[in-house]
Amino acid sequence: SRPAYTYVRLTADRSLPLTVQDHMIRTADALTPHHP
């Protein structure tokens, strides 16, 4: 419903490691592949 979503990955994040951030992005993108 929104024109664009942006995710900012933080490479030194120890609370949400990159693998977790990437998983969240992939999960959301899989939910709406037409709107990554």
PDB file of all heavy atoms in Angstrom:
ATOM      1  N   SER A   1       0.800  -1.225   0.000  1.00  0.00           N
ATOM      2  CA  SER A   1       0.000   0.000   0.000  1.00  0.00           C
ATOM      3  C   SER A   1       0.832   1.274   0.000  1.00  0.00           C
ATOM      4  O   SER A   1       0.307   2.351  -0.159  1.00  0.00           O
ATOM      5  CB  SER A   1      -0.935   0.008   1.217  1.00  0.00           C
ATOM      6  OG  SER A   1      -0.179   0.081   2.411  1.00  0.00           O
ATOM      7  N   ARG A   2       2.134   1.140   0.172  1.00  0.00           N
ATOM      8  CA  ARG A   2       3.007   2.320   0.183  1.00  0.00           C
ATOM      9  C   ARG A   2       3.901   2.285  -1.041  1.00  0.00           C
ATOM     10  O   ARG A   2       4.212   1.236  -1.578  1.00  0.00           O
ATOM     11  CB  ARG A   2       3.832   2.315   1.460  1.00  0.00           C
ATOM     12  CG  ARG A   2       2.934   2.470   2.674  1.00  0.00           C
ATOM     13  CD  ARG A   2       3.744   2.772   3.915  1.00  0.00           C
ATOM     14  NE  ARG A   2       2.843   3.028   5.011  1.00  0.00           N
ATOM     15  CZ  ARG A   2       2.585   2.165   5.965  1.00  0.00           C
ATOM     16  NH1 ARG A   2       3.145   0.991   5.971  1.00  0.00           N
ATOM     17  NH2 ARG A   2       1.749   2.475   6.937  1.00  0.00           N
ATOM     18  N   PRO A   3       4.348   3.455  -1.507  1.00  0.00           N
ATOM     19  CA  PRO A   3       5.143   3.487  -2.744  1.00  0.00           C
ATOM     20  C   PRO A   3       6.470   2.750  -2.656  1.00  0.00           C
ATOM     21  O   PRO A   3       6.883   2.138  -3.620  1.00  0.00           O
ATOM     22  CB  PRO A   3       5.365   4.973  -3.003  1.00  0.00           C
ATOM     23  CG  PRO A   3       4.972   5.675  -1.762  1.00  0.00           C
ATOM     24  CD  PRO A   3       4.106   4.760  -0.961  1.00  0.00           C
ATOM     25  N   ALA A   4       7.128   2.778  -1.512  1.00  0.00           N
ATOM     26  CA  ALA A   4       8.420   2.098  -1.396  1.00  0.00           C
ATOM     27  C   ALA A   4       8.753   1.880   0.073  1.00  0.00           C
ATOM     28  O   ALA A   4       8.394   2.672   0.932  1.00  0.00           O
ATOM     29  CB  ALA A   4       9.515   2.922  -2.047  1.00  0.00           C
ATOM     30  N   TYR A   5       9.444   0.788   0.325  1.00  0.00           N
ATOM     31  CA  TYR A   5       9.979   0.511   1.643  1.00  0.00           C
ATOM     32  C   TYR A   5      11.488   0.415   1.513  1.00  0.00           C
ATOM     33  O   TYR A   5      11.996  -0.172   0.560  1.00  0.00           O
ATOM     34  CB  TYR A   5       9.470  -0.826   2.192  1.00  0.00           C
ATOM     35  CG  TYR A   5       8.108  -0.751   2.821  1.00  0.00           C
ATOM     36  CD1 TYR A   5       6.974  -1.068   2.096  1.00  0.00           C
ATOM     37  CD2 TYR A   5       7.959  -0.381   4.155  1.00  0.00           C
ATOM     38  CE1 TYR A   5       5.725  -1.017   2.685  1.00  0.00           C
ATOM     39  CE2 TYR A   5       6.715  -0.331   4.746  1.00  0.00           C
ATOM     40  CZ  TYR A   5       5.596  -0.654   3.993  1.00  0.00           C
ATOM     41  OH  TYR A   5       4.369  -0.601   4.589  1.00  0.00           O
ATOM     42  N   THR A   6      12.175   0.990   2.453  1.00  0.00           N
ATOM     43  CA  THR A   6      13.632   0.935   2.465  1.00  0.00           C
ATOM     44  C   THR A   6      14.075   0.246   3.744  1.00  0.00           C
ATOM     45  O   THR A   6      13.556   0.531   4.816  1.00  0.00           O
ATOM     46  CB  THR A   6      14.235   2.346   2.406  1.00  0.00           C
ATOM     47  OG1 THR A   6      13.817   2.973   1.187  1.00  0.00           O
ATOM     48  CG2 THR A   6      15.749   2.315   2.453  1.00  0.00           C
ATOM     49  N   TYR A   7      15.026  -0.662   3.597  1.00  0.00           N
ATOM     50  CA  TYR A   7      15.625  -1.307   4.762  1.00  0.00           C
ATOM     51  C   TYR A   7      17.092  -0.904   4.784  1.00  0.00           C
ATOM     52  O   TYR A   7      17.786  -1.018   3.783  1.00  0.00           O
ATOM     53  CB  TYR A   7      15.518  -2.836   4.676  1.00  0.00           C
ATOM     54  CG  TYR A   7      15.932  -3.486   5.974  1.00  0.00           C
ATOM     55  CD1 TYR A   7      14.973  -3.871   6.904  1.00  0.00           C
ATOM     56  CD2 TYR A   7      17.271  -3.680   6.294  1.00  0.00           C
ATOM     57  CE1 TYR A   7      15.349  -4.447   8.111  1.00  0.00           C
ATOM     58  CE2 TYR A   7      17.648  -4.251   7.491  1.00  0.00           C
ATOM     59  CZ  TYR A   7      16.688  -4.628   8.397  1.00  0.00           C
ATOM     60  OH  TYR A   7      17.046  -5.184   9.590  1.00  0.00           O
ATOM     61  N   VAL A   8      17.545  -0.423   5.918  1.00  0.00           N
ATOM     62  CA  VAL A   8      18.942  -0.037   6.079  1.00  0.00           C
ATOM     63  C   VAL A   8      19.624  -1.118   6.910  1.00  0.00           C
ATOM     64  O   VAL A   8      19.349  -1.269   8.103  1.00  0.00           O
ATOM     65  CB  VAL A   8      19.086   1.339   6.754  1.00  0.00           C
ATOM     66  CG1 VAL A   8      20.549   1.696   6.897  1.00  0.00           C
ATOM     67  CG2 VAL A   8      18.343   2.408   5.959  1.00  0.00           C
ATOM     68  N   ARG A   9      20.489  -1.880   6.259  1.00  0.00           N
ATOM     69  CA  ARG A   9      21.273  -2.917   6.937  1.00  0.00           C
ATOM     70  C   ARG A   9      22.416  -2.225   7.677  1.00  0.00           C
ATOM     71  O   ARG A   9      23.034  -1.317   7.137  1.00  0.00           O
ATOM     72  CB  ARG A   9      21.859  -3.901   5.926  1.00  0.00           C
ATOM     73  CG  ARG A   9      20.834  -4.709   5.202  1.00  0.00           C
ATOM     74  CD  ARG A   9      21.447  -5.459   4.018  1.00  0.00           C
ATOM     75  NE  ARG A   9      22.223  -6.598   4.475  1.00  0.00           N
ATOM     76  CZ  ARG A   9      23.543  -6.747   4.304  1.00  0.00           C
ATOM     77  NH1 ARG A   9      24.243  -5.833   3.681  1.00  0.00           N
ATOM     78  NH2 ARG A   9      24.155  -7.821   4.737  1.00  0.00           N
ATOM     79  N   LEU A  10      22.689  -2.664   8.889  1.00  0.00           N
ATOM     80  CA  LEU A  10      23.766  -2.085   9.691  1.00  0.00           C
ATOM     81  C   LEU A  10      24.818  -3.170   9.919  1.00  0.00           C
ATOM     82  O   LEU A  10      24.578  -4.134  10.643  1.00  0.00           O
ATOM     83  CB  LEU A  10      23.208  -1.561  11.017  1.00  0.00           C
ATOM     84  CG  LEU A  10      22.122  -0.489  10.865  1.00  0.00           C
ATOM     85  CD1 LEU A  10      21.481  -0.186  12.206  1.00  0.00           C
ATOM     86  CD2 LEU A  10      22.673   0.759  10.216  1.00  0.00           C
ATOM     87  N   THR A  11      25.977  -3.007   9.308  1.00  0.00           N
ATOM     88  CA  THR A  11      26.981  -4.070   9.272  1.00  0.00           C
ATOM     89  C   THR A  11      27.603  -4.396  10.627  1.00  0.00           C
ATOM     90  O   THR A  11      28.058  -5.509  10.831  1.00  0.00           O
ATOM     91  CB  THR A  11      28.111  -3.730   8.292  1.00  0.00           C
ATOM     92  OG1 THR A  11      28.750  -2.530   8.719  1.00  0.00           O
ATOM     93  CG2 THR A  11      27.586  -3.576   6.882  1.00  0.00           C
ATOM     94  N   ALA A  12      27.615  -3.461  11.546  1.00  0.00           N
ATOM     95  CA  ALA A  12      28.229  -3.704  12.857  1.00  0.00           C
ATOM     96  C   ALA A  12      27.185  -3.919  13.958  1.00  0.00           C
ATOM     97  O   ALA A  12      27.503  -3.836  15.141  1.00  0.00           O
ATOM     98  CB  ALA A  12      29.152  -2.555  13.223  1.00  0.00           C
ATOM     99  N   ASP A  13      25.964  -4.203  13.556  1.00  0.00           N
ATOM    100  CA  ASP A  13      24.881  -4.402  14.514  1.00  0.00           C
ATOM    101  C   ASP A  13      25.057  -5.751  15.205  1.00  0.00           C
ATOM    102  O   ASP A  13      25.013  -6.795  14.568  1.00  0.00           O
ATOM    103  CB  ASP A  13      23.545  -4.355  13.783  1.00  0.00           C
ATOM    104  CG  ASP A  13      22.356  -4.298  14.724  1.00  0.00           C
ATOM    105  OD1 ASP A  13      22.474  -4.759  15.875  1.00  0.00           O
ATOM    106  OD2 ASP A  13      21.309  -3.791  14.295  1.00  0.00           O
ATOM    107  N   ARG A  14      25.259  -5.736  16.520  1.00  0.00           N
ATOM    108  CA  ARG A  14      25.407  -6.981  17.262  1.00  0.00           C
ATOM    109  C   ARG A  14      24.089  -7.415  17.881  1.00  0.00           C
ATOM    110  O   ARG A  14      23.962  -8.525  18.360  1.00  0.00           O
ATOM    111  CB  ARG A  14      26.497  -6.840  18.322  1.00  0.00           C
ATOM    112  CG  ARG A  14      27.853  -6.663  17.667  1.00  0.00           C
ATOM    113  CD  ARG A  14      29.003  -6.737  18.610  1.00  0.00           C
ATOM    114  NE  ARG A  14      28.768  -6.098  19.898  1.00  0.00           N
ATOM    115  CZ  ARG A  14      29.712  -5.638  20.677  1.00  0.00           C
ATOM    116  NH1 ARG A  14      30.973  -5.722  20.311  1.00  0.00           N
ATOM    117  NH2 ARG A  14      29.428  -5.085  21.832  1.00  0.00           N
ATOM    118  N   SER A  15      23.086  -6.540  17.876  1.00  0.00           N
ATOM    119  CA  SER A  15      21.754  -6.914  18.358  1.00  0.00           C
ATOM    120  C   SER A  15      20.996  -7.685  17.286  1.00  0.00           C
ATOM    121  O   SER A  15      20.290  -8.644  17.580  1.00  0.00           O
ATOM    122  CB  SER A  15      20.947  -5.676  18.738  1.00  0.00           C
ATOM    123  OG  SER A  15      21.569  -4.994  19.797  1.00  0.00           O
ATOM    124  N   LEU A  16      21.128  -7.228  16.041  1.00  0.00           N
ATOM    125  CA  LEU A  16      20.522  -7.902  14.893  1.00  0.00           C
ATOM    126  C   LEU A  16      21.628  -8.146  13.872  1.00  0.00           C
ATOM    127  O   LEU A  16      21.888  -7.309  13.011  1.00  0.00           O
ATOM    128  CB  LEU A  16      19.432  -7.030  14.258  1.00  0.00           C
ATOM    129  CG  LEU A  16      18.158  -6.830  15.050  1.00  0.00           C
ATOM    130  CD1 LEU A  16      17.271  -5.794  14.387  1.00  0.00           C
ATOM    131  CD2 LEU A  16      17.411  -8.146  15.195  1.00  0.00           C
ATOM    132  N   PRO A  17      22.301  -9.286  13.958  1.00  0.00           N
ATOM    133  CA  PRO A  17      23.388  -9.574  13.021  1.00  0.00           C
ATOM    134  C   PRO A  17      22.885  -9.550  11.572  1.00  0.00           C
ATOM    135  O   PRO A  17      21.688  -9.697  11.308  1.00  0.00           O
ATOM    136  CB  PRO A  17      23.843 -10.984  13.407  1.00  0.00           C
ATOM    137  CG  PRO A  17      23.318 -11.210  14.780  1.00  0.00           C
ATOM    138  CD  PRO A  17      22.094 -10.366  14.916  1.00  0.00           C
ATOM    139  N   LEU A  18      23.814  -9.372  10.650  1.00  0.00           N
ATOM    140  CA  LEU A  18      23.443  -9.290   9.230  1.00  0.00           C
ATOM    141  C   LEU A  18      22.628 -10.494   8.780  1.00  0.00           C
ATOM    142  O   LEU A  18      21.704 -10.341   7.972  1.00  0.00           O
ATOM    143  CB  LEU A  18      24.685  -9.145   8.356  1.00  0.00           C
ATOM    144  CG  LEU A  18      25.300  -7.751   8.331  1.00  0.00           C
ATOM    145  CD1 LEU A  18      26.565  -7.753   7.476  1.00  0.00           C
ATOM    146  CD2 LEU A  18      24.320  -6.718   7.828  1.00  0.00           C
ATOM    147  N   THR A  19      22.934 -11.673   9.289  1.00  0.00           N
ATOM    148  CA  THR A  19      22.167 -12.849   8.878  1.00  0.00           C
ATOM    149  C   THR A  19      20.695 -12.712   9.277  1.00  0.00           C
ATOM    150  O   THR A  19      19.807 -13.106   8.522  1.00  0.00           O
ATOM    151  CB  THR A  19      22.745 -14.141   9.482  1.00  0.00           C
ATOM    152  OG1 THR A  19      22.833 -14.006  10.901  1.00  0.00           O
ATOM    153  CG2 THR A  19      24.116 -14.441   8.913  1.00  0.00           C
ATOM    154  N   VAL A  20      20.441 -12.123  10.428  1.00  0.00           N
ATOM    155  CA  VAL A  20      19.065 -11.909  10.883  1.00  0.00           C
ATOM    156  C   VAL A  20      18.414 -10.811  10.044  1.00  0.00           C
ATOM    157  O   VAL A  20      17.266 -10.948   9.600  1.00  0.00           O
ATOM    158  CB  VAL A  20      19.022 -11.558  12.385  1.00  0.00           C
ATOM    159  CG1 VAL A  20      17.610 -11.180  12.823  1.00  0.00           C
ATOM    160  CG2 VAL A  20      19.557 -12.710  13.213  1.00  0.00           C
ATOM    161  N   GLN A  21      19.139  -9.724   9.813  1.00  0.00           N
ATOM    162  CA  GLN A  21      18.599  -8.648   8.984  1.00  0.00           C
ATOM    163  C   GLN A  21      18.249  -9.160   7.591  1.00  0.00           C
ATOM    164  O   GLN A  21      17.170  -8.866   7.061  1.00  0.00           O
ATOM    165  CB  GLN A  21      19.604  -7.501   8.889  1.00  0.00           C
ATOM    166  CG  GLN A  21      19.887  -6.807  10.212  1.00  0.00           C
ATOM    167  CD  GLN A  21      20.955  -5.754  10.069  1.00  0.00           C
ATOM    168  OE1 GLN A  21      20.808  -4.821   9.287  1.00  0.00           O
ATOM    169  NE2 GLN A  21      22.045  -5.907  10.812  1.00  0.00           N
ATOM    170  N   ASP A  22      19.147  -9.939   7.005  1.00  0.00           N
ATOM    171  CA  ASP A  22      18.909 -10.478   5.664  1.00  0.00           C
ATOM    172  C   ASP A  22      17.726 -11.436   5.652  1.00  0.00           C
ATOM    173  O   ASP A  22      16.942 -11.459   4.698  1.00  0.00           O
ATOM    174  CB  ASP A  22      20.165 -11.159   5.127  1.00  0.00           C
ATOM    175  CG  ASP A  22      21.274 -10.170   4.811  1.00  0.00           C
ATOM    176  OD1 ASP A  22      20.999  -8.960   4.680  1.00  0.00           O
ATOM    177  OD2 ASP A  22      22.431 -10.620   4.702  1.00  0.00           O
ATOM    178  N   HIS A  23      17.577 -12.211   6.718  1.00  0.00           N
ATOM    179  CA  HIS A  23      16.423 -13.103   6.822  1.00  0.00           C
ATOM    180  C   HIS A  23      15.123 -12.296   6.864  1.00  0.00           C
ATOM    181  O   HIS A  23      14.134 -12.655   6.209  1.00  0.00           O
ATOM    182  CB  HIS A  23      16.550 -13.998   8.055  1.00  0.00           C
ATOM    183  CG  HIS A  23      15.320 -14.809   8.316  1.00  0.00           C
ATOM    184  ND1 HIS A  23      14.984 -15.911   7.557  1.00  0.00           N
ATOM    185  CD2 HIS A  23      14.338 -14.665   9.236  1.00  0.00           C
ATOM    186  CE1 HIS A  23      13.850 -16.402   8.002  1.00  0.00           C
ATOM    187  NE2 HIS A  23      13.443 -15.665   9.025  1.00  0.00           N
ATOM    188  N   MET A  24      15.101 -11.217   7.639  1.00  0.00           N
ATOM    189  CA  MET A  24      13.906 -10.374   7.724  1.00  0.00           C
ATOM    190  C   MET A  24      13.568  -9.784   6.355  1.00  0.00           C
ATOM    191  O   MET A  24      12.396  -9.747   5.967  1.00  0.00           O
ATOM    192  CB  MET A  24      14.107  -9.272   8.770  1.00  0.00           C
ATOM    193  CG  MET A  24      14.209  -9.806  10.170  1.00  0.00           C
ATOM    194  SD  MET A  24      14.343  -8.613  11.543  1.00  0.00           S
ATOM    195  CE  MET A  24      15.060  -7.170  10.860  1.00  0.00           C
ATOM    196  N   ILE A  25      14.571  -9.344   5.635  1.00  0.00           N
ATOM    197  CA  ILE A  25      14.351  -8.772   4.298  1.00  0.00           C
ATOM    198  C   ILE A  25      13.794  -9.846   3.364  1.00  0.00           C
ATOM    199  O   ILE A  25      12.805  -9.616   2.653  1.00  0.00           O
ATOM    200  CB  ILE A  25      15.658  -8.180   3.741  1.00  0.00           C
ATOM    201  CG1 ILE A  25      16.100  -6.983   4.584  1.00  0.00           C
ATOM    202  CG2 ILE A  25      15.487  -7.778   2.271  1.00  0.00           C
ATOM    203  CD1 ILE A  25      17.552  -6.565   4.342  1.00  0.00           C
ATOM    204  N   ARG A  26      14.434 -11.023   3.348  1.00  0.00           N
ATOM    205  CA  ARG A  26      13.975 -12.112   2.469  1.00  0.00           C
ATOM    206  C   ARG A  26      12.543 -12.529   2.797  1.00  0.00           C
ATOM    207  O   ARG A  26      11.731 -12.777   1.902  1.00  0.00           O
ATOM    208  CB  ARG A  26      14.889 -13.329   2.597  1.00  0.00           C
ATOM    209  CG  ARG A  26      16.141 -13.260   1.797  1.00  0.00           C
ATOM    210  CD  ARG A  26      16.857 -14.610   1.713  1.00  0.00           C
ATOM    211  NE  ARG A  26      17.004 -15.283   2.991  1.00  0.00           N
ATOM    212  CZ  ARG A  26      17.990 -15.054   3.860  1.00  0.00           C
ATOM    213  NH1 ARG A  26      18.931 -14.160   3.586  1.00  0.00           N
ATOM    214  NH2 ARG A  26      18.052 -15.723   4.999  1.00  0.00           N
ATOM    215  N   THR A  27      12.228 -12.605   4.083  1.00  0.00           N
ATOM    216  CA  THR A  27      10.889 -13.003   4.505  1.00  0.00           C
ATOM    217  C   THR A  27       9.849 -11.998   4.025  1.00  0.00           C
ATOM    218  O   THR A  27       8.802 -12.370   3.496  1.00  0.00           O
ATOM    219  CB  THR A  27      10.830 -13.154   6.036  1.00  0.00           C
ATOM    220  OG1 THR A  27      11.783 -14.136   6.437  1.00  0.00           O
ATOM    221  CG2 THR A  27       9.454 -13.557   6.510  1.00  0.00           C
ATOM    222  N   ALA A  28      10.129 -10.733   4.207  1.00  0.00           N
ATOM    223  CA  ALA A  28       9.194  -9.703   3.759  1.00  0.00           C
ATOM    224  C   ALA A  28       9.082  -9.681   2.239  1.00  0.00           C
ATOM    225  O   ALA A  28       7.980  -9.564   1.694  1.00  0.00           O
ATOM    226  CB  ALA A  28       9.641  -8.331   4.271  1.00  0.00           C
ATOM    227  N   ASP A  29      10.207  -9.818   1.555  1.00  0.00           N
ATOM    228  CA  ASP A  29      10.182  -9.823   0.087  1.00  0.00           C
ATOM    229  C   ASP A  29       9.436 -11.039  -0.453  1.00  0.00           C
ATOM    230  O   ASP A  29       8.747 -10.940  -1.480  1.00  0.00           O
ATOM    231  CB  ASP A  29      11.592  -9.774  -0.488  1.00  0.00           C
ATOM    232  CG  ASP A  29      12.232  -8.404  -0.388  1.00  0.00           C
ATOM    233  OD1 ASP A  29      11.528  -7.429  -0.038  1.00  0.00           O
ATOM    234  OD2 ASP A  29      13.449  -8.305  -0.655  1.00  0.00           O
ATOM    235  N   ALA A  30       9.539 -12.177   0.222  1.00  0.00           N
ATOM    236  CA  ALA A  30       8.818 -13.377  -0.213  1.00  0.00           C
ATOM    237  C   ALA A  30       7.308 -13.198  -0.041  1.00  0.00           C
ATOM    238  O   ALA A  30       6.517 -13.729  -0.817  1.00  0.00           O
ATOM    239  CB  ALA A  30       9.293 -14.593   0.568  1.00  0.00           C
ATOM    240  N   LEU A  31       6.925 -12.421   0.959  1.00  0.00           N
ATOM    241  CA  LEU A  31       5.514 -12.153   1.211  1.00  0.00           C
ATOM    242  C   LEU A  31       4.905 -11.319   0.084  1.00  0.00           C
ATOM    243  O   LEU A  31       3.766 -11.522  -0.298  1.00  0.00           O
ATOM    244  CB  LEU A  31       5.370 -11.438   2.554  1.00  0.00           C
ATOM    245  CG  LEU A  31       3.979 -11.161   3.091  1.00  0.00           C
ATOM    246  CD1 LEU A  31       3.245 -12.467   3.367  1.00  0.00           C
ATOM    247  CD2 LEU A  31       4.078 -10.318   4.352  1.00  0.00           C
ATOM    248  N   THR A  32       5.687 -10.379  -0.431  1.00  0.00           N
ATOM    249  CA  THR A  32       5.209  -9.506  -1.507  1.00  0.00           C
ATOM    250  C   THR A  32       6.316  -9.358  -2.558  1.00  0.00           C
ATOM    251  O   THR A  32       6.973  -8.319  -2.647  1.00  0.00           O
ATOM    252  CB  THR A  32       4.828  -8.111  -0.959  1.00  0.00           C
ATOM    253  OG1 THR A  32       5.960  -7.568  -0.282  1.00  0.00           O
ATOM    254  CG2 THR A  32       3.639  -8.173  -0.021  1.00  0.00           C
ATOM    255  N   PRO A  33       6.525 -10.388  -3.372  1.00  0.00           N
ATOM    256  CA  PRO A  33       7.613 -10.342  -4.350  1.00  0.00           C
ATOM    257  C   PRO A  33       7.462  -9.228  -5.387  1.00  0.00           C
ATOM    258  O   PRO A  33       8.446  -8.801  -5.978  1.00  0.00           O
ATOM    259  CB  PRO A  33       7.562 -11.722  -5.009  1.00  0.00           C
ATOM    260  CG  PRO A  33       6.217 -12.263  -4.703  1.00  0.00           C
ATOM    261  CD  PRO A  33       5.767 -11.620  -3.428  1.00  0.00           C
ATOM    262  N   HIS A  34       6.272  -8.731  -5.553  1.00  0.00           N
ATOM    263  CA  HIS A  34       6.034  -7.637  -6.493  1.00  0.00           C
ATOM    264  C   HIS A  34       6.422  -6.273  -5.915  1.00  0.00           C
ATOM    265  O   HIS A  34       6.399  -5.275  -6.623  1.00  0.00           O
ATOM    266  CB  HIS A  34       4.553  -7.625  -6.898  1.00  0.00           C
ATOM    267  CG  HIS A  34       3.634  -7.421  -5.726  1.00  0.00           C
ATOM    268  ND1 HIS A  34       3.353  -8.443  -4.830  1.00  0.00           N
ATOM    269  CD2 HIS A  34       2.966  -6.339  -5.289  1.00  0.00           C
ATOM    270  CE1 HIS A  34       2.540  -7.973  -3.891  1.00  0.00           C
ATOM    271  NE2 HIS A  34       2.296  -6.704  -4.150  1.00  0.00           N
ATOM    272  N   HIS A  35       6.782  -6.266  -4.640  1.00  0.00           N
ATOM    273  CA  HIS A  35       7.075  -4.999  -3.955  1.00  0.00           C
ATOM    274  C   HIS A  35       8.243  -5.197  -2.978  1.00  0.00           C
ATOM    275  O   HIS A  35       8.079  -5.065  -1.766  1.00  0.00           O
ATOM    276  CB  HIS A  35       5.810  -4.545  -3.212  1.00  0.00           C
ATOM    277  CG  HIS A  35       5.780  -3.097  -2.881  1.00  0.00           C
ATOM    278  ND1 HIS A  35       5.643  -2.113  -3.819  1.00  0.00           N
ATOM    279  CD2 HIS A  35       5.871  -2.468  -1.696  1.00  0.00           C
ATOM    280  CE1 HIS A  35       5.640  -0.938  -3.219  1.00  0.00           C
ATOM    281  NE2 HIS A  35       5.786  -1.129  -1.937  1.00  0.00           N
ATOM    282  N   PRO A  36       9.436  -5.511  -3.485  1.00  0.00           N
ATOM    283  CA  PRO A  36      10.567  -5.796  -2.585  1.00  0.00           C
ATOM    284  C   PRO A  36      11.117  -4.533  -1.916  1.00  0.00           C
ATOM    285  O   PRO A  36      10.893  -3.413  -2.389  1.00  0.00           O
ATOM    286  CB  PRO A  36      11.613  -6.405  -3.518  1.00  0.00           C
ATOM    287  CG  PRO A  36      11.315  -5.783  -4.841  1.00  0.00           C
ATOM    288  CD  PRO A  36       9.816  -5.610  -4.882  1.00  0.00           C
TER     289      PRO A  36
END
